[in-house]
N, C-alpha and C. Protein backbone atom coordinates (compact mmCIF):
# COMPACT_ATOMS: atom_id res chain seq x y z
N MET A 1 0.82 -1.20 0.00
CA MET A 1 0.00 0.00 0.00
C MET A 1 0.86 1.26 0.00
N ILE A 2 1.87 1.29 0.86
CA ILE A 2 2.76 2.45 0.94
C ILE A 2 3.55 2.60 -0.35
N LEU A 3 4.02 1.49 -0.91
CA LEU A 3 4.75 1.54 -2.16
C LEU A 3 3.88 2.08 -3.28
N THR A 4 2.62 1.70 -3.32
CA THR A 4 1.68 2.22 -4.33
C THR A 4 1.52 3.73 -4.20
N LEU A 5 1.37 4.23 -2.99
CA LEU A 5 1.24 5.67 -2.77
C LEU A 5 2.50 6.41 -3.20
N ILE A 6 3.66 5.84 -2.90
CA ILE A 6 4.92 6.46 -3.32
C ILE A 6 5.01 6.51 -4.83
N LEU A 7 4.66 5.40 -5.50
CA LEU A 7 4.70 5.37 -6.96
C LEU A 7 3.74 6.38 -7.58
N ILE A 8 2.56 6.53 -7.02
CA ILE A 8 1.59 7.52 -7.52
C ILE A 8 2.16 8.93 -7.33
N GLY A 9 2.76 9.20 -6.20
CA GLY A 9 3.37 10.50 -5.94
C GLY A 9 4.49 10.82 -6.92
N VAL A 10 5.36 9.85 -7.18
CA VAL A 10 6.47 10.05 -8.12
C VAL A 10 5.93 10.27 -9.52
N ALA A 11 4.94 9.47 -9.94
CA ALA A 11 4.35 9.63 -11.28
C ALA A 11 3.70 11.00 -11.41
N GLY A 12 2.98 11.44 -10.38
CA GLY A 12 2.36 12.77 -10.42
C GLY A 12 3.39 13.87 -10.53
N TYR A 13 4.48 13.74 -9.80
CA TYR A 13 5.56 14.74 -9.86
C TYR A 13 6.18 14.80 -11.25
N LYS A 14 6.44 13.63 -11.83
CA LYS A 14 7.06 13.57 -13.16
C LYS A 14 6.14 14.09 -14.26
N LEU A 15 4.83 13.87 -14.13
CA LEU A 15 3.88 14.27 -15.16
C LEU A 15 3.33 15.68 -14.96
N SER A 16 3.59 16.32 -13.83
CA SER A 16 3.02 17.64 -13.56
C SER A 16 3.39 18.70 -14.58
N PRO A 17 4.57 18.70 -15.21
CA PRO A 17 4.85 19.72 -16.22
C PRO A 17 3.91 19.65 -17.42
N LEU A 18 3.31 18.48 -17.65
CA LEU A 18 2.36 18.38 -18.76
C LEU A 18 1.10 19.20 -18.49
N LEU A 19 0.67 19.27 -17.25
CA LEU A 19 -0.56 19.97 -16.92
C LEU A 19 -0.32 21.40 -16.47
N LEU A 20 0.76 21.65 -15.79
CA LEU A 20 1.07 22.98 -15.29
C LEU A 20 2.32 23.49 -15.99
N PRO A 21 2.17 24.48 -16.88
CA PRO A 21 3.36 24.95 -17.59
C PRO A 21 4.37 25.57 -16.63
N LYS A 22 5.58 25.06 -16.64
CA LYS A 22 6.64 25.59 -15.80
C LYS A 22 7.57 26.43 -16.66
N ALA A 23 8.11 27.48 -16.07
CA ALA A 23 8.98 28.37 -16.81
C ALA A 23 10.16 28.78 -15.95
N ASP A 24 11.29 29.01 -16.61
CA ASP A 24 12.46 29.55 -15.93
C ASP A 24 12.32 31.06 -15.81
N VAL A 25 11.69 31.67 -16.82
CA VAL A 25 11.51 33.12 -16.86
C VAL A 25 10.08 33.42 -17.28
N THR A 26 9.39 34.29 -16.54
CA THR A 26 8.06 34.74 -16.93
C THR A 26 8.14 36.22 -17.26
N VAL A 27 7.63 36.57 -18.45
CA VAL A 27 7.71 37.95 -18.94
C VAL A 27 6.30 38.49 -19.11
N SER A 28 6.06 39.71 -18.67
CA SER A 28 4.75 40.34 -18.84
C SER A 28 4.64 40.96 -20.22
N PRO A 29 3.44 40.88 -20.83
CA PRO A 29 3.26 41.54 -22.12
C PRO A 29 3.28 43.06 -21.94
N ASN A 30 3.50 43.76 -23.05
CA ASN A 30 3.49 45.21 -23.01
C ASN A 30 2.10 45.71 -22.63
N PRO A 31 2.02 46.80 -21.86
CA PRO A 31 0.72 47.33 -21.41
C PRO A 31 -0.17 47.72 -22.60
N GLY A 32 -1.47 47.66 -22.38
CA GLY A 32 -2.42 48.06 -23.41
C GLY A 32 -2.69 46.98 -24.44
N CYS A 33 -2.26 45.79 -24.17
CA CYS A 33 -2.44 44.68 -25.11
C CYS A 33 -3.91 44.26 -25.17
N ASP A 34 -4.45 44.09 -26.37
CA ASP A 34 -5.81 43.59 -26.56
C ASP A 34 -5.80 42.65 -27.76
N LEU A 35 -5.81 41.35 -27.50
CA LEU A 35 -5.77 40.36 -28.58
C LEU A 35 -6.99 40.42 -29.48
N HIS A 36 -8.09 41.02 -29.02
CA HIS A 36 -9.28 41.19 -29.86
C HIS A 36 -9.06 42.23 -30.95
N VAL A 37 -8.10 43.12 -30.75
CA VAL A 37 -7.85 44.21 -31.70
C VAL A 37 -6.69 43.89 -32.64
N GLY A 38 -5.65 43.24 -32.11
CA GLY A 38 -4.48 42.95 -32.94
C GLY A 38 -3.45 42.16 -32.17
N ALA A 39 -2.27 42.05 -32.77
CA ALA A 39 -1.18 41.31 -32.15
C ALA A 39 -0.71 42.05 -30.90
N CYS A 40 -0.25 41.28 -29.91
CA CYS A 40 0.32 41.83 -28.69
C CYS A 40 1.80 41.47 -28.67
N SER A 41 2.58 42.30 -27.99
CA SER A 41 4.02 42.06 -27.96
C SER A 41 4.54 42.04 -26.54
N ALA A 42 5.75 41.53 -26.41
CA ALA A 42 6.45 41.50 -25.12
C ALA A 42 7.94 41.59 -25.41
N THR A 43 8.65 42.29 -24.54
CA THR A 43 10.09 42.37 -24.64
C THR A 43 10.68 41.20 -23.85
N LEU A 44 11.51 40.42 -24.51
CA LEU A 44 12.08 39.22 -23.91
C LEU A 44 13.44 39.50 -23.29
N PRO A 45 13.91 38.60 -22.43
CA PRO A 45 15.24 38.78 -21.84
C PRO A 45 16.31 38.89 -22.94
N ALA A 46 17.34 39.62 -22.66
CA ALA A 46 18.47 39.82 -23.59
C ALA A 46 18.05 40.59 -24.84
N GLY A 47 16.96 41.36 -24.77
CA GLY A 47 16.60 42.25 -25.86
C GLY A 47 15.75 41.67 -26.97
N GLY A 48 15.32 40.44 -26.86
CA GLY A 48 14.46 39.87 -27.90
C GLY A 48 13.04 40.41 -27.81
N LYS A 49 12.24 40.11 -28.83
CA LYS A 49 10.85 40.57 -28.86
C LYS A 49 9.95 39.44 -29.34
N LEU A 50 8.75 39.37 -28.77
CA LEU A 50 7.74 38.39 -29.16
C LEU A 50 6.49 39.13 -29.59
N ASP A 51 5.89 38.72 -30.69
CA ASP A 51 4.58 39.18 -31.12
C ASP A 51 3.67 37.97 -31.16
N PHE A 52 2.44 38.11 -30.60
CA PHE A 52 1.48 37.01 -30.54
C PHE A 52 0.15 37.50 -31.06
N ALA A 53 -0.42 36.76 -32.00
CA ALA A 53 -1.71 37.13 -32.59
C ALA A 53 -2.63 35.92 -32.64
N VAL A 54 -3.91 36.19 -32.45
CA VAL A 54 -4.96 35.19 -32.55
C VAL A 54 -6.00 35.73 -33.53
N THR A 55 -6.37 34.94 -34.52
CA THR A 55 -7.43 35.34 -35.45
C THR A 55 -8.42 34.19 -35.56
N PRO A 56 -9.68 34.47 -35.86
CA PRO A 56 -10.28 35.76 -36.22
C PRO A 56 -10.48 36.65 -34.99
N ARG A 57 -10.78 37.88 -35.29
CA ARG A 57 -11.03 38.88 -34.25
C ARG A 57 -12.43 39.42 -34.41
N PRO A 58 -13.15 39.64 -33.31
CA PRO A 58 -12.82 39.26 -31.95
C PRO A 58 -12.73 37.74 -31.81
N ILE A 59 -12.06 37.31 -30.76
CA ILE A 59 -11.78 35.89 -30.56
C ILE A 59 -13.07 35.15 -30.18
N PRO A 60 -13.49 34.18 -31.02
CA PRO A 60 -14.71 33.43 -30.72
C PRO A 60 -14.43 32.15 -29.94
N VAL A 61 -15.47 31.54 -29.40
CA VAL A 61 -15.36 30.21 -28.81
C VAL A 61 -15.96 29.21 -29.80
N THR A 62 -15.59 27.98 -29.70
CA THR A 62 -16.04 26.85 -30.53
C THR A 62 -15.86 27.11 -32.04
N ALA A 63 -14.86 27.88 -32.38
CA ALA A 63 -14.52 28.11 -33.78
C ALA A 63 -13.00 27.97 -33.91
N PRO A 64 -12.51 27.50 -35.06
CA PRO A 64 -11.06 27.36 -35.22
C PRO A 64 -10.35 28.70 -35.07
N LEU A 65 -9.26 28.69 -34.32
CA LEU A 65 -8.44 29.88 -34.13
C LEU A 65 -7.07 29.66 -34.75
N GLU A 66 -6.57 30.67 -35.42
CA GLU A 66 -5.22 30.66 -35.97
C GLU A 66 -4.31 31.38 -34.98
N LEU A 67 -3.21 30.74 -34.61
CA LEU A 67 -2.26 31.30 -33.67
C LEU A 67 -0.96 31.62 -34.40
N LEU A 68 -0.38 32.78 -34.13
CA LEU A 68 0.87 33.18 -34.77
C LEU A 68 1.79 33.78 -33.72
N VAL A 69 3.00 33.26 -33.63
CA VAL A 69 4.04 33.81 -32.76
C VAL A 69 5.22 34.16 -33.65
N GLU A 70 5.69 35.41 -33.50
CA GLU A 70 6.89 35.85 -34.22
C GLU A 70 7.92 36.28 -33.19
N LEU A 71 9.13 35.76 -33.34
CA LEU A 71 10.22 36.06 -32.42
C LEU A 71 11.31 36.83 -33.15
N ASP A 72 11.83 37.85 -32.49
CA ASP A 72 12.93 38.64 -33.05
C ASP A 72 14.02 38.69 -32.00
N GLY A 73 15.22 38.28 -32.35
CA GLY A 73 16.33 38.32 -31.42
C GLY A 73 16.40 37.11 -30.51
N LEU A 74 15.69 36.05 -30.84
CA LEU A 74 15.69 34.84 -30.03
C LEU A 74 15.40 33.65 -30.93
N GLU A 75 16.22 32.61 -30.82
CA GLU A 75 15.98 31.38 -31.57
C GLU A 75 15.31 30.37 -30.65
N ALA A 76 14.19 29.84 -31.07
CA ALA A 76 13.43 28.90 -30.25
C ALA A 76 13.53 27.50 -30.81
N ASP A 77 13.63 26.52 -29.90
CA ASP A 77 13.58 25.12 -30.28
C ASP A 77 12.14 24.64 -30.40
N LYS A 78 11.27 25.23 -29.56
CA LYS A 78 9.87 24.82 -29.53
C LYS A 78 9.03 25.98 -29.02
N VAL A 79 7.83 26.14 -29.61
CA VAL A 79 6.88 27.16 -29.16
C VAL A 79 5.52 26.49 -29.03
N ALA A 80 4.87 26.71 -27.89
CA ALA A 80 3.52 26.20 -27.65
C ALA A 80 2.71 27.31 -26.99
N VAL A 81 1.40 27.17 -27.03
CA VAL A 81 0.52 28.14 -26.36
C VAL A 81 -0.42 27.35 -25.45
N ASP A 82 -0.38 27.65 -24.16
CA ASP A 82 -1.21 26.98 -23.17
C ASP A 82 -2.43 27.85 -22.89
N PHE A 83 -3.63 27.34 -23.18
CA PHE A 83 -4.87 28.06 -22.91
C PHE A 83 -5.48 27.51 -21.63
N ALA A 84 -5.78 28.41 -20.69
CA ALA A 84 -6.36 28.00 -19.42
C ALA A 84 -7.43 29.01 -19.01
N GLY A 85 -8.53 28.51 -18.48
CA GLY A 85 -9.54 29.39 -17.92
C GLY A 85 -9.00 30.00 -16.64
N VAL A 86 -9.19 31.32 -16.47
CA VAL A 86 -8.67 32.00 -15.29
C VAL A 86 -9.47 31.63 -14.05
N ASP A 87 -10.80 31.59 -14.18
CA ASP A 87 -11.66 31.32 -13.02
C ASP A 87 -12.24 29.92 -12.99
N MET A 88 -12.03 29.14 -14.06
CA MET A 88 -12.61 27.81 -14.14
C MET A 88 -11.70 26.91 -14.98
N ALA A 89 -11.43 25.72 -14.49
CA ALA A 89 -10.64 24.76 -15.25
C ALA A 89 -11.43 24.31 -16.48
N MET A 90 -10.79 24.40 -17.65
CA MET A 90 -11.47 24.05 -18.89
C MET A 90 -10.78 22.91 -19.64
N GLY A 91 -9.91 22.18 -18.97
CA GLY A 91 -9.23 21.05 -19.61
C GLY A 91 -7.92 21.46 -20.23
N PHE A 92 -7.17 20.45 -20.65
CA PHE A 92 -5.84 20.66 -21.24
C PHE A 92 -5.98 21.14 -22.68
N ASN A 93 -5.37 22.28 -23.00
CA ASN A 93 -5.41 22.84 -24.36
C ASN A 93 -4.08 23.55 -24.58
N ARG A 94 -3.08 22.82 -25.09
CA ARG A 94 -1.75 23.39 -25.31
C ARG A 94 -1.19 22.96 -26.67
N PRO A 95 -1.62 23.62 -27.74
CA PRO A 95 -1.08 23.25 -29.05
C PRO A 95 0.39 23.67 -29.21
N THR A 96 1.17 22.78 -29.81
CA THR A 96 2.54 23.10 -30.18
C THR A 96 2.49 23.72 -31.57
N LEU A 97 3.16 24.85 -31.73
CA LEU A 97 3.14 25.55 -33.01
C LEU A 97 4.26 25.05 -33.90
N ALA A 98 4.00 25.06 -35.20
CA ALA A 98 4.98 24.61 -36.19
C ALA A 98 5.81 25.79 -36.68
N ALA A 99 7.10 25.57 -36.86
CA ALA A 99 7.97 26.61 -37.42
C ALA A 99 7.60 26.78 -38.89
N THR A 100 7.32 28.02 -39.29
CA THR A 100 6.94 28.31 -40.68
C THR A 100 7.93 29.23 -41.37
N GLY A 101 9.00 29.56 -40.69
CA GLY A 101 10.04 30.43 -41.22
C GLY A 101 10.92 30.87 -40.07
N PRO A 102 11.96 31.63 -40.35
CA PRO A 102 12.84 32.09 -39.28
C PRO A 102 12.08 32.92 -38.24
N GLY A 103 12.04 32.44 -37.01
CA GLY A 103 11.38 33.16 -35.93
C GLY A 103 9.87 33.22 -36.03
N ARG A 104 9.29 32.39 -36.86
CA ARG A 104 7.83 32.43 -37.09
C ARG A 104 7.24 31.05 -36.82
N PHE A 105 6.18 31.02 -35.98
CA PHE A 105 5.53 29.77 -35.59
C PHE A 105 4.02 29.95 -35.68
N SER A 106 3.33 28.93 -36.18
CA SER A 106 1.88 29.04 -36.28
C SER A 106 1.22 27.70 -35.97
N GLY A 107 -0.07 27.79 -35.65
CA GLY A 107 -0.85 26.60 -35.35
C GLY A 107 -2.31 26.95 -35.19
N GLN A 108 -3.10 25.95 -34.80
CA GLN A 108 -4.54 26.13 -34.64
C GLN A 108 -5.01 25.53 -33.33
N THR A 109 -6.13 26.05 -32.85
CA THR A 109 -6.81 25.47 -31.69
C THR A 109 -8.25 25.93 -31.70
N THR A 110 -9.02 25.46 -30.76
CA THR A 110 -10.41 25.88 -30.57
C THR A 110 -10.64 26.02 -29.07
N LEU A 111 -11.31 27.08 -28.67
CA LEU A 111 -11.66 27.27 -27.27
C LEU A 111 -13.02 26.65 -27.01
N PRO A 112 -13.16 25.89 -25.93
CA PRO A 112 -14.48 25.33 -25.61
C PRO A 112 -15.41 26.41 -25.08
N VAL A 113 -16.68 26.17 -25.21
CA VAL A 113 -17.67 27.12 -24.69
C VAL A 113 -17.80 26.90 -23.19
N CYS A 114 -17.97 27.99 -22.47
CA CYS A 114 -18.15 27.94 -21.02
C CYS A 114 -19.63 27.99 -20.72
N VAL A 115 -20.09 27.17 -19.79
CA VAL A 115 -21.51 27.12 -19.46
C VAL A 115 -22.01 28.42 -18.86
N THR A 116 -21.10 29.23 -18.32
CA THR A 116 -21.51 30.50 -17.72
C THR A 116 -21.57 31.64 -18.74
N GLY A 117 -21.19 31.36 -19.99
CA GLY A 117 -21.20 32.41 -21.02
C GLY A 117 -19.82 33.01 -21.21
N ARG A 118 -19.63 34.25 -20.80
CA ARG A 118 -18.36 34.94 -20.96
C ARG A 118 -17.32 34.37 -20.00
N MET A 119 -16.06 34.29 -20.48
CA MET A 119 -15.01 33.72 -19.66
C MET A 119 -13.69 34.43 -19.92
N VAL A 120 -12.90 34.58 -18.87
CA VAL A 120 -11.56 35.15 -19.00
C VAL A 120 -10.59 33.99 -19.21
N TRP A 121 -9.78 34.12 -20.26
CA TRP A 121 -8.79 33.11 -20.62
C TRP A 121 -7.39 33.66 -20.44
N GLN A 122 -6.45 32.78 -20.20
CA GLN A 122 -5.04 33.14 -20.23
C GLN A 122 -4.36 32.25 -21.26
N ALA A 123 -3.77 32.89 -22.27
CA ALA A 123 -2.99 32.19 -23.29
C ALA A 123 -1.53 32.45 -22.95
N THR A 124 -0.84 31.41 -22.50
CA THR A 124 0.57 31.56 -22.13
C THR A 124 1.43 31.01 -23.26
N VAL A 125 2.19 31.89 -23.89
CA VAL A 125 3.12 31.48 -24.94
C VAL A 125 4.34 30.90 -24.23
N LEU A 126 4.67 29.65 -24.55
CA LEU A 126 5.80 28.94 -23.93
C LEU A 126 6.89 28.76 -24.98
N ILE A 127 8.04 29.34 -24.72
CA ILE A 127 9.16 29.30 -25.66
C ILE A 127 10.29 28.50 -25.02
N GLU A 128 10.72 27.45 -25.71
CA GLU A 128 11.86 26.67 -25.24
C GLU A 128 13.04 26.99 -26.12
N THR A 129 14.11 27.43 -25.47
CA THR A 129 15.33 27.77 -26.18
C THR A 129 16.51 27.21 -25.39
N GLY A 130 17.17 26.22 -25.94
CA GLY A 130 18.24 25.57 -25.19
C GLY A 130 17.67 24.91 -23.94
N ARG A 131 18.15 25.33 -22.79
CA ARG A 131 17.67 24.78 -21.52
C ARG A 131 16.76 25.75 -20.80
N THR A 132 16.35 26.80 -21.45
CA THR A 132 15.51 27.83 -20.83
C THR A 132 14.11 27.78 -21.39
N ARG A 133 13.12 27.90 -20.50
CA ARG A 133 11.72 27.98 -20.91
C ARG A 133 11.18 29.33 -20.47
N ILE A 134 10.71 30.10 -21.45
CA ILE A 134 10.17 31.43 -21.20
C ILE A 134 8.66 31.37 -21.35
N ALA A 135 7.94 31.97 -20.41
CA ALA A 135 6.48 32.02 -20.45
C ALA A 135 6.04 33.48 -20.55
N VAL A 136 5.11 33.73 -21.48
CA VAL A 136 4.54 35.07 -21.64
C VAL A 136 3.02 34.92 -21.61
N PRO A 137 2.37 35.32 -20.50
CA PRO A 137 0.92 35.17 -20.38
C PRO A 137 0.15 36.37 -20.94
N PHE A 138 -0.89 36.08 -21.72
CA PHE A 138 -1.77 37.10 -22.29
C PHE A 138 -3.19 36.77 -21.84
N ARG A 139 -3.93 37.75 -21.32
CA ARG A 139 -5.31 37.51 -20.88
C ARG A 139 -6.29 38.18 -21.85
N PHE A 140 -7.42 37.49 -22.03
CA PHE A 140 -8.50 38.03 -22.89
C PHE A 140 -9.79 37.36 -22.46
N ASP A 141 -10.92 37.96 -22.83
CA ASP A 141 -12.19 37.33 -22.54
C ASP A 141 -12.83 36.86 -23.84
N ALA A 142 -13.64 35.83 -23.74
CA ALA A 142 -14.33 35.28 -24.91
C ALA A 142 -15.65 34.70 -24.48
N GLY A 143 -16.58 34.66 -25.39
CA GLY A 143 -17.91 34.11 -25.12
C GLY A 143 -18.96 35.18 -25.25
N LYS A 144 -20.16 34.83 -24.82
CA LYS A 144 -21.30 35.74 -24.96
C LYS A 144 -21.29 36.80 -23.91
């Protein structure tokens, strides 16, 4: 019984990065960002820049969304976007974006509808470069 509990604890610890995005560095987006209006940007460590856009605008729920991340001054090994409900857990939604050119990554996802109608979301852009993981969280609301 004790061995089973220890094994469950170890497995949970090892798998936790899949559910909870961990980062070495968290960067705030530039003030005045509104993903419903256009791309948002953030200044990255060592002088790099990130631009993040979601289309169509305004951002709908239960419709395909196009995600675009552009990096300037930083080479990334992997880019993903983690979508999480701020006030309510909405399940795992973390698409990995495909490299489409130098510093350019794109992909698709769909936001589920919330039973309460309008919902605040956090889209955290996760950039892996070498041994460093950078997280840039963007908040927006979607729904009725």
